[in-house]
Amino acid sequence: MISPIDTGFFLRVIHILKTKPFLLKLTIMTQNEILTANLAAVGEDIGQELGAKMVKDFQDNNPNETEWFYAGRNILDKILSQPGCVGIRMYNAIDEDGNKTLVFVGIDAQENIIVEYTTISTEGQLTKEKGIVADRINRPGTKETGITLDWWA
């Protein structure tokens, strides 16, 4: 329940926003910038020692799991280049051959999957494009050279 003091405060805020609509726009823009900045900043460099420990611990506890996946820069750049994209969500998945894989999708500042976005065609027309849903990543055993990426071993 809102107290009379709180109600009065909110009525004053509403009055200010009605008489100065630019403040409402500024408030919304600031909130969107904060949300976008927070989502875009998710993740950090944890260092090789902690990373190696986390990977080794997982492998020790899950010996039958796929050890790693690899996605190239081109598809990651393509996902991140979608208008409004602030990050990539990765889903565990099973491919057509029954192998564990990952599916990548872009997310916007509200953590919604980018299902479609608007672009301008070469003729100057607005068109709708489907959001990118990516897979076809590499996994252990798909590299012919025998070089391992198991740096934690």
N, C-alpha and C. Protein backbone atom coordinates (compact mmCIF):
# COMPACT_ATOMS: atom_id res chain seq x y z
N MET A 1 0.84 -1.18 0.00
CA MET A 1 0.00 0.00 0.00
C MET A 1 0.88 1.24 0.00
N ILE A 2 0.53 2.21 -0.79
CA ILE A 2 1.30 3.45 -0.89
C ILE A 2 0.79 4.42 0.17
N SER A 3 1.71 4.98 0.94
CA SER A 3 1.34 5.94 1.97
C SER A 3 0.99 7.27 1.33
N PRO A 4 0.28 8.18 2.08
CA PRO A 4 -0.05 9.50 1.53
C PRO A 4 1.19 10.28 1.10
N ILE A 5 2.31 10.09 1.79
CA ILE A 5 3.53 10.79 1.42
C ILE A 5 4.01 10.28 0.06
N ASP A 6 3.98 8.95 -0.10
CA ASP A 6 4.39 8.36 -1.38
C ASP A 6 3.46 8.82 -2.50
N THR A 7 2.16 8.84 -2.25
CA THR A 7 1.19 9.25 -3.26
C THR A 7 1.46 10.68 -3.71
N GLY A 8 1.70 11.56 -2.76
CA GLY A 8 2.00 12.95 -3.09
C GLY A 8 3.24 13.07 -3.94
N PHE A 9 4.26 12.30 -3.61
CA PHE A 9 5.50 12.30 -4.37
C PHE A 9 5.24 11.87 -5.81
N PHE A 10 4.49 10.78 -5.97
CA PHE A 10 4.21 10.28 -7.31
C PHE A 10 3.36 11.27 -8.11
N LEU A 11 2.40 11.94 -7.46
CA LEU A 11 1.58 12.94 -8.15
C LEU A 11 2.44 14.11 -8.63
N ARG A 12 3.42 14.52 -7.82
CA ARG A 12 4.33 15.60 -8.24
C ARG A 12 5.18 15.15 -9.43
N VAL A 13 5.67 13.92 -9.39
CA VAL A 13 6.47 13.39 -10.50
C VAL A 13 5.64 13.35 -11.78
N ILE A 14 4.40 12.88 -11.68
CA ILE A 14 3.53 12.82 -12.86
C ILE A 14 3.28 14.22 -13.40
N HIS A 15 3.03 15.18 -12.51
CA HIS A 15 2.82 16.57 -12.95
C HIS A 15 4.04 17.10 -13.69
N ILE A 16 5.24 16.86 -13.13
CA ILE A 16 6.47 17.33 -13.77
C ILE A 16 6.63 16.69 -15.15
N LEU A 17 6.37 15.38 -15.24
CA LEU A 17 6.52 14.69 -16.52
C LEU A 17 5.51 15.16 -17.55
N LYS A 18 4.28 15.51 -17.09
CA LYS A 18 3.27 16.02 -18.02
C LYS A 18 3.64 17.40 -18.54
N THR A 19 4.20 18.23 -17.67
CA THR A 19 4.54 19.60 -18.08
C THR A 19 5.89 19.68 -18.78
N LYS A 20 6.72 18.69 -18.58
CA LYS A 20 8.05 18.67 -19.21
C LYS A 20 8.28 17.30 -19.84
N PRO A 21 7.63 17.01 -20.98
CA PRO A 21 7.71 15.66 -21.58
C PRO A 21 9.13 15.24 -21.95
N PHE A 22 10.02 16.21 -22.17
CA PHE A 22 11.40 15.84 -22.50
C PHE A 22 12.05 15.08 -21.36
N LEU A 23 11.61 15.33 -20.11
CA LEU A 23 12.16 14.60 -18.96
C LEU A 23 11.76 13.13 -19.01
N LEU A 24 10.53 12.86 -19.44
CA LEU A 24 10.09 11.47 -19.58
C LEU A 24 10.93 10.75 -20.62
N LYS A 25 11.14 11.42 -21.77
CA LYS A 25 11.96 10.83 -22.83
C LYS A 25 13.38 10.59 -22.32
N LEU A 26 13.93 11.56 -21.62
CA LEU A 26 15.28 11.44 -21.07
C LEU A 26 15.35 10.30 -20.06
N THR A 27 14.32 10.17 -19.22
CA THR A 27 14.28 9.10 -18.22
C THR A 27 14.24 7.74 -18.90
N ILE A 28 13.41 7.60 -19.92
CA ILE A 28 13.31 6.32 -20.64
C ILE A 28 14.63 6.02 -21.34
N MET A 29 15.23 7.04 -21.98
CA MET A 29 16.51 6.83 -22.66
C MET A 29 17.58 6.39 -21.66
N THR A 30 17.61 7.03 -20.51
CA THR A 30 18.60 6.69 -19.49
C THR A 30 18.39 5.26 -18.99
N GLN A 31 17.13 4.88 -18.73
CA GLN A 31 16.84 3.53 -18.29
C GLN A 31 17.28 2.51 -19.35
N ASN A 32 16.98 2.80 -20.62
CA ASN A 32 17.38 1.89 -21.70
C ASN A 32 18.89 1.79 -21.81
N GLU A 33 19.59 2.92 -21.66
CA GLU A 33 21.06 2.89 -21.73
C GLU A 33 21.64 2.08 -20.59
N ILE A 34 21.07 2.23 -19.40
CA ILE A 34 21.55 1.47 -18.24
C ILE A 34 21.33 -0.02 -18.48
N LEU A 35 20.12 -0.39 -18.93
CA LEU A 35 19.81 -1.79 -19.17
C LEU A 35 20.70 -2.35 -20.26
N THR A 36 20.87 -1.62 -21.36
CA THR A 36 21.72 -2.07 -22.46
C THR A 36 23.16 -2.23 -21.98
N ALA A 37 23.66 -1.26 -21.25
CA ALA A 37 25.03 -1.33 -20.76
C ALA A 37 25.21 -2.53 -19.85
N ASN A 38 24.24 -2.80 -18.98
CA ASN A 38 24.37 -3.93 -18.07
C ASN A 38 24.39 -5.25 -18.82
N LEU A 39 23.50 -5.44 -19.78
CA LEU A 39 23.47 -6.69 -20.52
C LEU A 39 24.70 -6.83 -21.40
N ALA A 40 25.12 -5.75 -22.03
CA ALA A 40 26.30 -5.80 -22.89
C ALA A 40 27.56 -6.09 -22.09
N ALA A 41 27.55 -5.78 -20.80
CA ALA A 41 28.74 -5.97 -19.97
C ALA A 41 28.79 -7.33 -19.29
N VAL A 42 27.82 -8.19 -19.54
CA VAL A 42 27.80 -9.51 -18.89
C VAL A 42 29.00 -10.32 -19.37
N GLY A 43 29.70 -10.91 -18.44
CA GLY A 43 30.88 -11.72 -18.74
C GLY A 43 32.14 -10.98 -18.33
N GLU A 44 33.16 -11.73 -17.99
CA GLU A 44 34.42 -11.12 -17.59
C GLU A 44 35.56 -12.10 -17.82
N ASP A 45 36.75 -11.57 -17.89
CA ASP A 45 37.96 -12.38 -18.00
C ASP A 45 38.22 -13.00 -16.63
N ILE A 46 38.17 -14.32 -16.56
CA ILE A 46 38.39 -15.00 -15.27
C ILE A 46 39.81 -15.52 -15.14
N GLY A 47 40.61 -15.39 -16.18
CA GLY A 47 42.00 -15.85 -16.13
C GLY A 47 42.12 -17.31 -16.49
N GLN A 48 43.34 -17.69 -16.92
CA GLN A 48 43.56 -19.06 -17.38
C GLN A 48 43.50 -20.08 -16.26
N GLU A 49 44.00 -19.74 -15.08
CA GLU A 49 44.00 -20.72 -13.99
C GLU A 49 42.58 -21.11 -13.58
N LEU A 50 41.73 -20.10 -13.31
CA LEU A 50 40.36 -20.41 -12.91
C LEU A 50 39.61 -21.08 -14.06
N GLY A 51 39.80 -20.58 -15.28
CA GLY A 51 39.14 -21.19 -16.43
C GLY A 51 39.53 -22.65 -16.58
N ALA A 52 40.82 -22.95 -16.47
CA ALA A 52 41.30 -24.33 -16.59
C ALA A 52 40.71 -25.20 -15.48
N LYS A 53 40.65 -24.67 -14.26
CA LYS A 53 40.08 -25.43 -13.14
C LYS A 53 38.61 -25.74 -13.38
N MET A 54 37.86 -24.73 -13.84
CA MET A 54 36.43 -24.94 -14.08
C MET A 54 36.19 -25.98 -15.17
N VAL A 55 36.97 -25.91 -16.25
CA VAL A 55 36.81 -26.87 -17.35
C VAL A 55 37.21 -28.27 -16.89
N LYS A 56 38.34 -28.39 -16.21
CA LYS A 56 38.80 -29.69 -15.72
C LYS A 56 37.79 -30.29 -14.75
N ASP A 57 37.28 -29.48 -13.83
CA ASP A 57 36.27 -29.97 -12.87
C ASP A 57 35.05 -30.50 -13.60
N PHE A 58 34.60 -29.79 -14.63
CA PHE A 58 33.45 -30.25 -15.40
C PHE A 58 33.76 -31.58 -16.08
N GLN A 59 34.92 -31.65 -16.75
CA GLN A 59 35.30 -32.87 -17.45
C GLN A 59 35.44 -34.06 -16.49
N ASP A 60 36.03 -33.81 -15.33
CA ASP A 60 36.19 -34.89 -14.34
C ASP A 60 34.84 -35.40 -13.87
N ASN A 61 33.87 -34.50 -13.72
CA ASN A 61 32.55 -34.87 -13.22
C ASN A 61 31.59 -35.33 -14.31
N ASN A 62 31.93 -35.09 -15.57
CA ASN A 62 31.05 -35.43 -16.69
C ASN A 62 31.87 -36.02 -17.84
N PRO A 63 32.48 -37.20 -17.62
CA PRO A 63 33.40 -37.75 -18.63
C PRO A 63 32.75 -38.08 -19.97
N ASN A 64 31.44 -38.24 -20.01
CA ASN A 64 30.76 -38.59 -21.27
C ASN A 64 30.20 -37.39 -22.00
N GLU A 65 30.36 -36.20 -21.45
CA GLU A 65 29.87 -34.98 -22.09
C GLU A 65 30.82 -34.53 -23.19
N THR A 66 30.29 -33.80 -24.15
CA THR A 66 31.12 -33.19 -25.19
C THR A 66 32.08 -32.24 -24.51
N GLU A 67 33.37 -32.33 -24.85
CA GLU A 67 34.39 -31.55 -24.16
C GLU A 67 34.36 -30.07 -24.50
N TRP A 68 34.12 -29.72 -25.74
CA TRP A 68 34.13 -28.32 -26.15
C TRP A 68 33.38 -28.15 -27.46
N PHE A 69 33.03 -26.93 -27.74
CA PHE A 69 32.42 -26.54 -29.00
C PHE A 69 33.20 -25.34 -29.53
N TYR A 70 33.16 -25.15 -30.82
CA TYR A 70 33.86 -24.02 -31.42
C TYR A 70 32.94 -23.34 -32.42
N ALA A 71 32.78 -22.02 -32.27
CA ALA A 71 32.03 -21.22 -33.24
C ALA A 71 32.98 -20.15 -33.76
N GLY A 72 32.98 -19.92 -35.05
CA GLY A 72 33.87 -18.95 -35.66
C GLY A 72 33.40 -17.51 -35.50
N ARG A 73 34.32 -16.61 -35.68
CA ARG A 73 34.06 -15.18 -35.53
C ARG A 73 33.00 -14.69 -36.50
N ASN A 74 32.99 -15.21 -37.72
CA ASN A 74 32.06 -14.70 -38.73
C ASN A 74 30.61 -14.81 -38.28
N ILE A 75 30.21 -15.97 -37.77
CA ILE A 75 28.81 -16.12 -37.36
C ILE A 75 28.54 -15.33 -36.09
N LEU A 76 29.52 -15.26 -35.18
CA LEU A 76 29.32 -14.48 -33.96
C LEU A 76 29.18 -12.99 -34.29
N ASP A 77 30.03 -12.49 -35.21
CA ASP A 77 29.92 -11.10 -35.65
C ASP A 77 28.57 -10.84 -36.32
N LYS A 78 28.12 -11.81 -37.13
CA LYS A 78 26.85 -11.66 -37.84
C LYS A 78 25.69 -11.55 -36.84
N ILE A 79 25.72 -12.37 -35.80
CA ILE A 79 24.67 -12.30 -34.77
C ILE A 79 24.73 -10.96 -34.05
N LEU A 80 25.94 -10.57 -33.61
CA LEU A 80 26.08 -9.32 -32.86
C LEU A 80 25.80 -8.09 -33.71
N SER A 81 25.88 -8.21 -35.03
CA SER A 81 25.63 -7.07 -35.92
C SER A 81 24.15 -6.81 -36.16
N GLN A 82 23.28 -7.68 -35.69
CA GLN A 82 21.85 -7.44 -35.85
C GLN A 82 21.47 -6.18 -35.07
N PRO A 83 20.62 -5.33 -35.65
CA PRO A 83 20.22 -4.11 -34.95
C PRO A 83 19.65 -4.41 -33.55
N GLY A 84 20.16 -3.71 -32.55
CA GLY A 84 19.67 -3.86 -31.18
C GLY A 84 20.27 -5.02 -30.41
N CYS A 85 21.15 -5.80 -31.03
CA CYS A 85 21.73 -6.96 -30.36
C CYS A 85 22.78 -6.52 -29.34
N VAL A 86 22.63 -7.00 -28.09
CA VAL A 86 23.60 -6.66 -27.04
C VAL A 86 24.35 -7.88 -26.53
N GLY A 87 23.97 -9.06 -26.99
CA GLY A 87 24.64 -10.27 -26.54
C GLY A 87 24.13 -11.49 -27.26
N ILE A 88 24.71 -12.62 -26.90
CA ILE A 88 24.35 -13.90 -27.51
C ILE A 88 23.92 -14.87 -26.42
N ARG A 89 22.78 -15.50 -26.63
CA ARG A 89 22.33 -16.56 -25.72
C ARG A 89 22.68 -17.88 -26.39
N MET A 90 23.21 -18.84 -25.60
CA MET A 90 23.62 -20.13 -26.13
C MET A 90 22.76 -21.22 -25.48
N TYR A 91 22.08 -21.98 -26.31
CA TYR A 91 21.22 -23.06 -25.84
C TYR A 91 21.88 -24.40 -26.08
N ASN A 92 21.82 -25.30 -25.11
CA ASN A 92 22.19 -26.69 -25.34
C ASN A 92 21.15 -27.27 -26.30
N ALA A 93 21.60 -28.09 -27.23
CA ALA A 93 20.70 -28.65 -28.24
C ALA A 93 21.22 -29.99 -28.72
N ILE A 94 20.39 -30.69 -29.48
CA ILE A 94 20.76 -31.95 -30.13
C ILE A 94 20.58 -31.74 -31.63
N ASP A 95 21.63 -32.01 -32.41
CA ASP A 95 21.54 -31.81 -33.86
C ASP A 95 20.81 -32.96 -34.54
N GLU A 96 20.71 -32.88 -35.86
CA GLU A 96 19.96 -33.89 -36.63
C GLU A 96 20.54 -35.29 -36.51
N ASP A 97 21.84 -35.40 -36.18
CA ASP A 97 22.47 -36.71 -36.04
C ASP A 97 22.47 -37.22 -34.60
N GLY A 98 21.81 -36.48 -33.71
CA GLY A 98 21.73 -36.90 -32.31
C GLY A 98 22.90 -36.46 -31.45
N ASN A 99 23.76 -35.58 -31.98
CA ASN A 99 24.92 -35.10 -31.23
C ASN A 99 24.57 -33.84 -30.45
N LYS A 100 25.16 -33.73 -29.26
CA LYS A 100 24.98 -32.51 -28.48
C LYS A 100 25.66 -31.36 -29.21
N THR A 101 24.99 -30.20 -29.21
CA THR A 101 25.52 -29.01 -29.88
C THR A 101 25.04 -27.79 -29.12
N LEU A 102 25.34 -26.63 -29.65
CA LEU A 102 24.84 -25.37 -29.11
C LEU A 102 24.14 -24.62 -30.23
N VAL A 103 23.07 -23.91 -29.87
CA VAL A 103 22.38 -23.03 -30.80
C VAL A 103 22.53 -21.62 -30.24
N PHE A 104 22.96 -20.68 -31.10
CA PHE A 104 23.22 -19.30 -30.71
C PHE A 104 22.13 -18.39 -31.28
N VAL A 105 21.63 -17.47 -30.44
CA VAL A 105 20.69 -16.44 -30.89
C VAL A 105 21.10 -15.11 -30.28
N GLY A 106 20.79 -14.02 -30.98
CA GLY A 106 21.04 -12.70 -30.45
C GLY A 106 19.94 -12.29 -29.50
N ILE A 107 20.31 -11.49 -28.49
CA ILE A 107 19.29 -10.94 -27.59
C ILE A 107 19.39 -9.42 -27.58
N ASP A 108 18.24 -8.79 -27.34
CA ASP A 108 18.22 -7.33 -27.27
C ASP A 108 18.36 -6.87 -25.82
N ALA A 109 18.25 -5.59 -25.60
CA ALA A 109 18.48 -5.00 -24.27
C ALA A 109 17.46 -5.46 -23.24
N GLN A 110 16.31 -5.96 -23.68
CA GLN A 110 15.30 -6.47 -22.74
C GLN A 110 15.41 -7.99 -22.57
N GLU A 111 16.49 -8.57 -23.05
CA GLU A 111 16.76 -10.01 -23.00
C GLU A 111 15.80 -10.82 -23.86
N ASN A 112 15.20 -10.18 -24.87
CA ASN A 112 14.35 -10.90 -25.81
C ASN A 112 15.21 -11.42 -26.95
N ILE A 113 14.87 -12.60 -27.42
CA ILE A 113 15.54 -13.14 -28.60
C ILE A 113 15.16 -12.28 -29.80
N ILE A 114 16.14 -11.96 -30.63
CA ILE A 114 15.87 -11.19 -31.84
C ILE A 114 15.29 -12.15 -32.87
N VAL A 115 13.97 -12.12 -32.99
CA VAL A 115 13.25 -13.01 -33.90
C VAL A 115 13.24 -12.43 -35.31
N GLU A 116 13.10 -11.11 -35.38
CA GLU A 116 13.17 -10.42 -36.67
C GLU A 116 13.61 -8.99 -36.42
N TYR A 117 14.10 -8.36 -37.48
CA TYR A 117 14.51 -6.97 -37.39
C TYR A 117 14.26 -6.30 -38.74
N THR A 118 14.21 -4.98 -38.71
CA THR A 118 13.92 -4.21 -39.91
C THR A 118 15.22 -3.73 -40.54
N THR A 119 15.31 -3.85 -41.86
CA THR A 119 16.45 -3.32 -42.61
C THR A 119 15.92 -2.50 -43.78
N ILE A 120 16.82 -1.80 -44.43
CA ILE A 120 16.46 -1.04 -45.63
C ILE A 120 17.12 -1.74 -46.82
N SER A 121 16.31 -2.08 -47.81
CA SER A 121 16.83 -2.77 -49.00
C SER A 121 17.62 -1.80 -49.86
N THR A 122 18.29 -2.32 -50.87
CA THR A 122 19.06 -1.48 -51.79
C THR A 122 18.15 -0.53 -52.56
N GLU A 123 16.85 -0.86 -52.65
CA GLU A 123 15.88 0.01 -53.33
C GLU A 123 15.30 1.04 -52.37
N GLY A 124 15.73 1.02 -51.10
CA GLY A 124 15.24 1.99 -50.12
C GLY A 124 13.96 1.58 -49.42
N GLN A 125 13.55 0.34 -49.58
CA GLN A 125 12.32 -0.16 -48.97
C GLN A 125 12.64 -0.79 -47.60
N LEU A 126 11.73 -0.60 -46.64
CA LEU A 126 11.87 -1.29 -45.35
C LEU A 126 11.49 -2.75 -45.53
N THR A 127 12.34 -3.63 -45.05
CA THR A 127 12.06 -5.07 -45.13
C THR A 127 12.29 -5.70 -43.77
N LYS A 128 11.63 -6.79 -43.54
CA LYS A 128 11.81 -7.56 -42.31
C LYS A 128 12.76 -8.72 -42.59
N GLU A 129 13.74 -8.88 -41.73
CA GLU A 129 14.68 -10.00 -41.82
C GLU A 129 14.46 -10.90 -40.62
N LYS A 130 14.63 -12.20 -40.80
CA LYS A 130 14.54 -13.12 -39.67
C LYS A 130 15.82 -13.02 -38.85
N GLY A 131 15.67 -13.11 -37.53
CA GLY A 131 16.83 -13.12 -36.65
C GLY A 131 17.67 -14.37 -36.93
N ILE A 132 18.95 -14.27 -36.64
CA ILE A 132 19.87 -15.36 -36.92
C ILE A 132 19.81 -16.40 -35.80
N VAL A 133 19.67 -17.65 -36.20
CA VAL A 133 19.73 -18.78 -35.28
C VAL A 133 20.87 -19.65 -35.81
N ALA A 134 21.95 -19.77 -35.03
CA ALA A 134 23.17 -20.38 -35.56
C ALA A 134 23.53 -21.69 -34.87
N ASP A 135 24.14 -22.57 -35.67
CA ASP A 135 24.75 -23.80 -35.19
C ASP A 135 25.84 -24.14 -36.19
N ARG A 136 26.10 -25.40 -36.42
CA ARG A 136 27.16 -25.90 -37.30
C ARG A 136 28.52 -25.56 -36.74
N ILE A 137 28.64 -25.79 -35.46
CA ILE A 137 29.90 -25.52 -34.76
C ILE A 137 30.77 -26.76 -34.80
N ASN A 138 32.04 -26.59 -34.51
CA ASN A 138 32.94 -27.74 -34.41
C ASN A 138 32.89 -28.30 -33.00
N ARG A 139 33.23 -29.56 -32.90
CA ARG A 139 33.31 -30.24 -31.61
C ARG A 139 34.49 -31.19 -31.65
N PRO A 140 34.86 -31.78 -30.53
CA PRO A 140 36.03 -32.68 -30.53
C PRO A 140 35.90 -33.75 -31.61
N GLY A 141 37.03 -34.06 -32.21
CA GLY A 141 37.06 -35.10 -33.23
C GLY A 141 36.76 -34.60 -34.63
N THR A 142 36.43 -33.30 -34.76
CA THR A 142 36.13 -32.77 -36.09
C THR A 142 37.33 -32.07 -36.70
N LYS A 143 38.41 -31.99 -35.95
CA LYS A 143 39.61 -31.32 -36.45
C LYS A 143 40.57 -32.37 -36.98
N GLU A 144 40.92 -32.27 -38.24
CA GLU A 144 41.73 -33.29 -38.91
C GLU A 144 43.20 -33.28 -38.49
N THR A 145 43.72 -32.16 -38.00
CA THR A 145 45.15 -32.03 -37.75
C THR A 145 45.62 -32.78 -36.51
N GLY A 146 44.71 -33.12 -35.63
CA GLY A 146 45.10 -33.79 -34.40
C GLY A 146 45.57 -32.82 -33.32
N ILE A 147 45.61 -31.53 -33.63
CA ILE A 147 45.99 -30.53 -32.63
C ILE A 147 44.82 -30.39 -31.65
N THR A 148 45.12 -30.35 -30.39
CA THR A 148 44.06 -30.27 -29.39
C THR A 148 43.91 -28.85 -28.88
N LEU A 149 42.71 -28.51 -28.52
CA LEU A 149 42.45 -27.24 -27.88
C LEU A 149 42.27 -27.44 -26.38
N ASP A 150 42.67 -28.58 -25.88
CA ASP A 150 42.51 -28.90 -24.47
C ASP A 150 43.63 -28.29 -23.65
N TRP A 151 43.68 -26.98 -23.58
CA TRP A 151 44.75 -26.27 -22.89
C TRP A 151 44.73 -26.49 -21.38
N TRP A 152 43.64 -27.01 -20.85
CA TRP A 152 43.53 -27.19 -19.40
C TRP A 152 44.12 -28.52 -18.94
N ALA A 153 44.40 -29.42 -19.88
CA ALA A 153 44.86 -30.76 -19.52
C ALA A 153 46.21 -30.74 -18.84
